[in-house]
């Protein structure tokens, strides 16, 4: 039973999350790894203040980019 775990910053619509679940499941089935009934998908959404890259949280980056666009 494959378990796919995805961590992503919160803020996507339920429709986008549902589409992601569908595509991940279909990829496993298409590759022949497992039958659809055996695929498990876990989505973990984290606040943008808890998700960082290059020592900058997504919240900090949004503020910086927003300020740059105003200038």
Protein backbone atom coordinates (compact mmCIF):
# COMPACT_ATOMS: atom_id res chain seq x y z
CA UNK A 1 0.00 0.00 0.00
CA UNK A 2 1.80 3.16 -1.18
CA UNK A 3 1.43 6.22 1.02
CA UNK A 4 2.15 9.55 -0.64
CA UNK A 5 2.79 12.42 1.74
CA UNK A 6 2.89 15.99 0.47
CA UNK A 7 3.68 19.05 2.57
CA UNK A 8 2.75 22.38 1.05
CA UNK A 9 2.02 25.91 2.12
CA UNK A 10 -1.64 26.52 2.87
CA UNK A 11 -3.81 28.63 0.66
CA UNK A 12 -4.92 26.42 -2.21
CA UNK A 13 -8.58 25.89 -2.97
CA UNK A 14 -10.27 22.61 -2.11
CA UNK A 15 -10.63 22.01 -5.85
CA UNK A 16 -6.87 22.29 -6.41
CA UNK A 17 -6.14 19.99 -3.49
CA UNK A 18 -8.66 17.47 -4.81
CA UNK A 19 -7.04 17.63 -8.27
CA UNK A 20 -3.62 17.02 -6.69
CA UNK A 21 -4.92 13.95 -4.86
CA UNK A 22 -6.42 12.65 -8.08
CA UNK A 23 -3.27 13.16 -10.15
CA UNK A 24 -1.00 11.58 -7.54
CA UNK A 25 -3.28 8.57 -7.27
CA UNK A 26 -3.54 8.19 -11.04
CA UNK A 27 0.25 8.38 -11.40
CA UNK A 28 0.71 5.46 -9.04
CA UNK A 29 -1.95 3.44 -10.83
CA UNK A 30 -0.59 4.33 -14.30
CA UNK A 31 2.93 3.19 -13.39
CA UNK A 32 1.59 -0.12 -12.15
CA UNK A 33 2.83 0.37 -8.60
CA UNK A 34 -0.54 -0.36 -7.01
CA UNK A 35 -4.25 -0.50 -7.60
CA UNK A 36 -6.27 2.65 -6.93
CA UNK A 37 -7.88 1.15 -3.84
CA UNK A 38 -4.47 0.73 -2.22
CA UNK A 39 -3.18 4.27 -2.72
CA UNK A 40 -3.18 6.61 0.27
CA UNK A 41 -2.52 10.35 -0.06
CA UNK A 42 -1.83 12.63 2.90
CA UNK A 43 -1.71 16.38 2.34
CA UNK A 44 -0.19 18.52 5.07
CA UNK A 45 -0.77 22.22 4.77
CA UNK A 46 1.43 24.51 6.84
CA UNK A 47 1.12 28.25 7.43
CA UNK A 48 3.34 30.42 5.24
CA UNK A 49 5.13 31.51 8.42
CA UNK A 50 6.22 27.89 8.97
CA UNK A 51 7.49 27.15 5.44
CA UNK A 52 10.87 28.56 4.45
CA UNK A 53 13.43 28.40 1.67
CA UNK A 54 16.83 30.09 1.67
CA UNK A 55 16.28 31.28 5.27
CA UNK A 56 13.16 33.23 4.30
CA UNK A 57 9.61 32.19 5.14
CA UNK A 58 6.99 32.37 2.43
CA UNK A 59 5.25 35.07 4.46
CA UNK A 60 8.45 37.14 4.57
CA UNK A 61 8.97 36.63 0.85
CA UNK A 62 5.40 37.75 0.10
CA UNK A 63 5.97 40.96 2.05
CA UNK A 64 9.33 41.59 0.35
CA UNK A 65 7.94 40.96 -3.14
CA UNK A 66 4.88 43.08 -2.39
CA UNK A 67 7.09 45.95 -1.27
CA UNK A 68 9.27 45.63 -4.37
CA UNK A 69 6.21 45.74 -6.62
CA UNK A 70 5.02 48.95 -4.94
CA UNK A 71 8.37 50.69 -5.54
